[in-house]
Each structure stands twice: as C-alpha cells, then as structure tokens.
Amino acid sequence: MKVRYGVANKDNRRVIEESRLEDGTWSQRLTVGDGESVLGGHSHQVSELFTLVSGKGTYALDTDMVVEEMNPGDSVDVPTGVGHIFRLAAHSVMVCHRSGPHAEDEVVRMPEMFDLI
C-alpha cells in the first residue's frame, strides 16, 4: 500500500516514494534530481537497511564517524539508535527498508554529522 509520494525538500532535489508492506515494515525509494542531496544526520528507534541502486554516494555512522563510499549494489545496515548520514550524487537512486515507521518526535538530530559529509 503506497502511503506517500512527494517532494522531500524545498529545492526539489529528491523525491521519496514510501510504502507500508504487509508485514508491517516500510520501504522507501529515494530519487535524487539534478543536485546532490544530503539526508539523515539523525538517529531513531527503528532499524534501516539502505541500498544504493544507481549513482554514487558516501555515508557515515556515529559508531565510528568514518566516511565510507557507496557504489551501486552496496548496502548499509543501520541498527536502532545509530546515527547516520548520507550524501548522494545527482541522479542517484537509493532504497531503504525500515523495521517500522518513525515519528518525528522520536528522531534525535545530530548536526555534528553534517561536518563529516
């Protein structure tokens, strides 16, 4: 069941399609437009698995604060409560599978992660 499709930031650089699956998990497909896009810089109480479908990217987790490259087919497992941030190149596509929905009031913002990426 698709629950949302829309522009995820003010400058129209990324679009997210989000679906709730029958098993109660959530799936998102993020498509980056003409400019690069940064997402994350937070933690929350659901686990996530990110897979880069096309394009290029980098990411960091707050467990080691090391920036790693992502290429198509690479996946990053983000356990519950672990801070994460991604920078995706223009025209990249990434999918995310979440263990459940996360409410905005559960999100812990981690602005220091933006300095890494």
C-alpha atoms as a PDB file:
ATOM      1  CA  MET A   1       0.000   0.000   0.000  1.00  0.00           C
ATOM      2  CA  LYS A   2       1.572   3.299  -1.061  1.00  0.00           C
ATOM      3  CA  VAL A   3       1.149   5.927   1.618  1.00  0.00           C
ATOM      4  CA  ARG A   4       3.132   8.893   0.404  1.00  0.00           C
ATOM      5  CA  TYR A   5       4.738  10.272  -2.702  1.00  0.00           C
ATOM      6  CA  GLY A   6       6.166  13.720  -2.735  1.00  0.00           C
ATOM      7  CA  VAL A   7       8.998  16.179  -2.780  1.00  0.00           C
ATOM      8  CA  ALA A   8      11.105  15.718   0.328  1.00  0.00           C
ATOM      9  CA  ASN A   9      12.911  19.051   0.420  1.00  0.00           C
ATOM     10  CA  LYS A  10      12.286  22.644  -0.580  1.00  0.00           C
ATOM     11  CA  ASP A  11      14.640  22.783  -3.557  1.00  0.00           C
ATOM     12  CA  ASN A  12      13.076  19.738  -5.260  1.00  0.00           C
ATOM     13  CA  ARG A  13      16.336  17.768  -5.297  1.00  0.00           C
ATOM     14  CA  ARG A  14      14.871  14.492  -4.070  1.00  0.00           C
ATOM     15  CA  VAL A  15      11.612  12.606  -4.273  1.00  0.00           C
ATOM     16  CA  ILE A  16      10.565   9.818  -1.925  1.00  0.00           C
ATOM     17  CA  GLU A  17       8.051   7.058  -2.574  1.00  0.00           C
ATOM     18  CA  GLU A  18       7.113   5.286   0.657  1.00  0.00           C
ATOM     19  CA  SER A  19       5.102   2.102   1.086  1.00  0.00           C
ATOM     20  CA  ARG A  20       3.933   0.143   4.115  1.00  0.00           C
ATOM     21  CA  LEU A  21       4.364  -3.559   3.445  1.00  0.00           C
ATOM     22  CA  GLU A  22       2.046  -6.345   4.571  1.00  0.00           C
ATOM     23  CA  ASP A  23       4.483  -7.479   7.285  1.00  0.00           C
ATOM     24  CA  GLY A  24       4.353  -4.034   8.933  1.00  0.00           C
ATOM     25  CA  THR A  25       7.745  -2.893   7.656  1.00  0.00           C
ATOM     26  CA  TRP A  26       8.268   0.169   5.460  1.00  0.00           C
ATOM     27  CA  SER A  27      10.034   0.618   2.153  1.00  0.00           C
ATOM     28  CA  GLN A  28      11.250   3.886   0.633  1.00  0.00           C
ATOM     29  CA  ARG A  29      12.727   4.706  -2.766  1.00  0.00           C
ATOM     30  CA  LEU A  30      14.644   7.971  -2.891  1.00  0.00           C
ATOM     31  CA  THR A  31      15.469   9.532  -6.257  1.00  0.00           C
ATOM     32  CA  VAL A  32      17.886  12.469  -6.409  1.00  0.00           C
ATOM     33  CA  GLY A  33      17.351  15.167  -9.023  1.00  0.00           C
ATOM     34  CA  ASP A  34      19.920  17.479 -10.634  1.00  0.00           C
ATOM     35  CA  GLY A  35      21.851  18.418  -7.476  1.00  0.00           C
ATOM     36  CA  GLU A  36      23.426  16.265  -4.801  1.00  0.00           C
ATOM     37  CA  SER A  37      21.365  15.562  -1.711  1.00  0.00           C
ATOM     38  CA  VAL A  38      22.228  15.021   1.957  1.00  0.00           C
ATOM     39  CA  LEU A  39      19.868  13.028   4.148  1.00  0.00           C
ATOM     40  CA  GLY A  40      19.977  11.794   7.691  1.00  0.00           C
ATOM     41  CA  GLY A  41      22.136  13.403  10.317  1.00  0.00           C
ATOM     42  CA  HIS A  42      19.936  11.768  12.935  1.00  0.00           C
ATOM     43  CA  SER A  43      19.095   8.592  14.819  1.00  0.00           C
ATOM     44  CA  HIS A  44      15.756   6.992  15.715  1.00  0.00           C
ATOM     45  CA  GLN A  45      14.223   3.885  17.216  1.00  0.00           C
ATOM     46  CA  VAL A  46      13.822   1.817  14.050  1.00  0.00           C
ATOM     47  CA  SER A  47      16.491  -0.120  12.161  1.00  0.00           C
ATOM     48  CA  GLU A  48      17.085   0.599   8.477  1.00  0.00           C
ATOM     49  CA  LEU A  49      18.811  -1.092   5.551  1.00  0.00           C
ATOM     50  CA  PHE A  50      19.915   1.290   2.775  1.00  0.00           C
ATOM     51  CA  THR A  51      20.926   0.024  -0.695  1.00  0.00           C
ATOM     52  CA  LEU A  52      22.305   2.241  -3.443  1.00  0.00           C
ATOM     53  CA  VAL A  53      20.595   1.227  -6.689  1.00  0.00           C
ATOM     54  CA  SER A  54      22.384   3.657  -9.017  1.00  0.00           C
ATOM     55  CA  GLY A  55      24.734   6.620  -8.829  1.00  0.00           C
ATOM     56  CA  LYS A  56      27.340   7.332  -6.156  1.00  0.00           C
ATOM     57  CA  GLY A  57      27.285   8.273  -2.520  1.00  0.00           C
ATOM     58  CA  THR A  58      29.048   8.478   0.801  1.00  0.00           C
ATOM     59  CA  TYR A  59      27.819   7.750   4.311  1.00  0.00           C
ATOM     60  CA  ALA A  60      28.898   7.804   7.951  1.00  0.00           C
ATOM     61  CA  LEU A  61      27.588   6.164  11.112  1.00  0.00           C
ATOM     62  CA  ASP A  62      28.094   7.628  14.577  1.00  0.00           C
ATOM     63  CA  THR A  63      29.599   4.330  15.753  1.00  0.00           C
ATOM     64  CA  ASP A  64      32.927   5.194  14.097  1.00  0.00           C
ATOM     65  CA  MET A  65      32.404   8.609  12.424  1.00  0.00           C
ATOM     66  CA  VAL A  66      34.304   7.392   9.317  1.00  0.00           C
ATOM     67  CA  VAL A  67      33.083   8.410   5.859  1.00  0.00           C
ATOM     68  CA  GLU A  68      32.691   5.454   3.501  1.00  0.00           C
ATOM     69  CA  GLU A  69      31.937   5.411  -0.238  1.00  0.00           C
ATOM     70  CA  MET A  70      28.855   3.748  -1.713  1.00  0.00           C
ATOM     71  CA  ASN A  71      28.561   2.304  -5.197  1.00  0.00           C
ATOM     72  CA  PRO A  72      25.577   0.640  -6.878  1.00  0.00           C
ATOM     73  CA  GLY A  73      24.686  -2.573  -5.059  1.00  0.00           C
ATOM     74  CA  ASP A  74      26.314  -1.511  -1.756  1.00  0.00           C
ATOM     75  CA  SER A  75      24.139  -1.761   1.370  1.00  0.00           C
ATOM     76  CA  VAL A  76      24.425  -0.168   4.803  1.00  0.00           C
ATOM     77  CA  ASP A  77      22.706  -1.712   7.823  1.00  0.00           C
ATOM     78  CA  VAL A  78      21.774   0.959  10.397  1.00  0.00           C
ATOM     79  CA  PRO A  79      20.737  -0.593  13.734  1.00  0.00           C
ATOM     80  CA  THR A  80      18.180   1.032  16.025  1.00  0.00           C
ATOM     81  CA  GLY A  81      19.559   4.143  17.720  1.00  0.00           C
ATOM     82  CA  VAL A  82      22.637   4.531  15.492  1.00  0.00           C
ATOM     83  CA  GLY A  83      23.189   7.975  13.957  1.00  0.00           C
ATOM     84  CA  HIS A  84      23.594   8.044  10.186  1.00  0.00           C
ATOM     85  CA  ILE A  85      24.058  10.468   7.308  1.00  0.00           C
ATOM     86  CA  PHE A  86      24.266  10.034   3.520  1.00  0.00           C
ATOM     87  CA  ARG A  87      25.385  12.295   0.668  1.00  0.00           C
ATOM     88  CA  LEU A  88      24.114  11.169  -2.734  1.00  0.00           C
ATOM     89  CA  ALA A  89      25.282  12.430  -6.118  1.00  0.00           C
ATOM     90  CA  ALA A  90      22.864  13.876  -8.644  1.00  0.00           C
ATOM     91  CA  HIS A  91      20.576  11.295 -10.289  1.00  0.00           C
ATOM     92  CA  SER A  92      21.330   8.609  -7.670  1.00  0.00           C
ATOM     93  CA  VAL A  93      18.636   6.192  -6.513  1.00  0.00           C
ATOM     94  CA  MET A  94      18.640   4.553  -3.079  1.00  0.00           C
ATOM     95  CA  VAL A  95      16.125   2.280  -1.388  1.00  0.00           C
ATOM     96  CA  CYS A  96      15.582   1.959   2.348  1.00  0.00           C
ATOM     97  CA  HIS A  97      13.800  -0.818   4.194  1.00  0.00           C
ATOM     98  CA  ARG A  98      12.720   0.109   7.756  1.00  0.00           C
ATOM     99  CA  SER A  99      11.579  -2.104  10.604  1.00  0.00           C
ATOM    100  CA  GLY A 100       8.624   0.254  11.143  1.00  0.00           C
ATOM    101  CA  PRO A 101       7.502   3.866  10.960  1.00  0.00           C
ATOM    102  CA  HIS A 102       9.309   6.515  12.957  1.00  0.00           C
ATOM    103  CA  ALA A 103       7.551   9.507  14.394  1.00  0.00           C
ATOM    104  CA  GLU A 104       9.200  12.899  14.086  1.00  0.00           C
ATOM    105  CA  ASP A 105       9.287  13.243  17.888  1.00  0.00           C
ATOM    106  CA  GLU A 106      11.441  10.063  18.074  1.00  0.00           C
ATOM    107  CA  VAL A 107      14.159  11.478  15.819  1.00  0.00           C
ATOM    108  CA  VAL A 108      17.338  12.670  17.546  1.00  0.00           C
ATOM    109  CA  ARG A 109      19.003  15.342  15.390  1.00  0.00           C
ATOM    110  CA  MET A 110      22.795  15.060  15.144  1.00  0.00           C
ATOM    111  CA  PRO A 111      24.032  18.247  13.430  1.00  0.00           C
ATOM    112  CA  GLU A 112      27.693  17.349  14.106  1.00  0.00           C
ATOM    113  CA  MET A 113      27.374  14.576  11.500  1.00  0.00           C
ATOM    114  CA  PHE A 114      26.953  17.160   8.726  1.00  0.00           C
ATOM    115  CA  ASP A 115      30.595  18.182   9.278  1.00  0.00           C
ATOM    116  CA  LEU A 116      31.694  14.663   8.213  1.00  0.00           C
ATOM    117  CA  ILE A 117      29.951  14.605   4.864  1.00  0.00           C
END
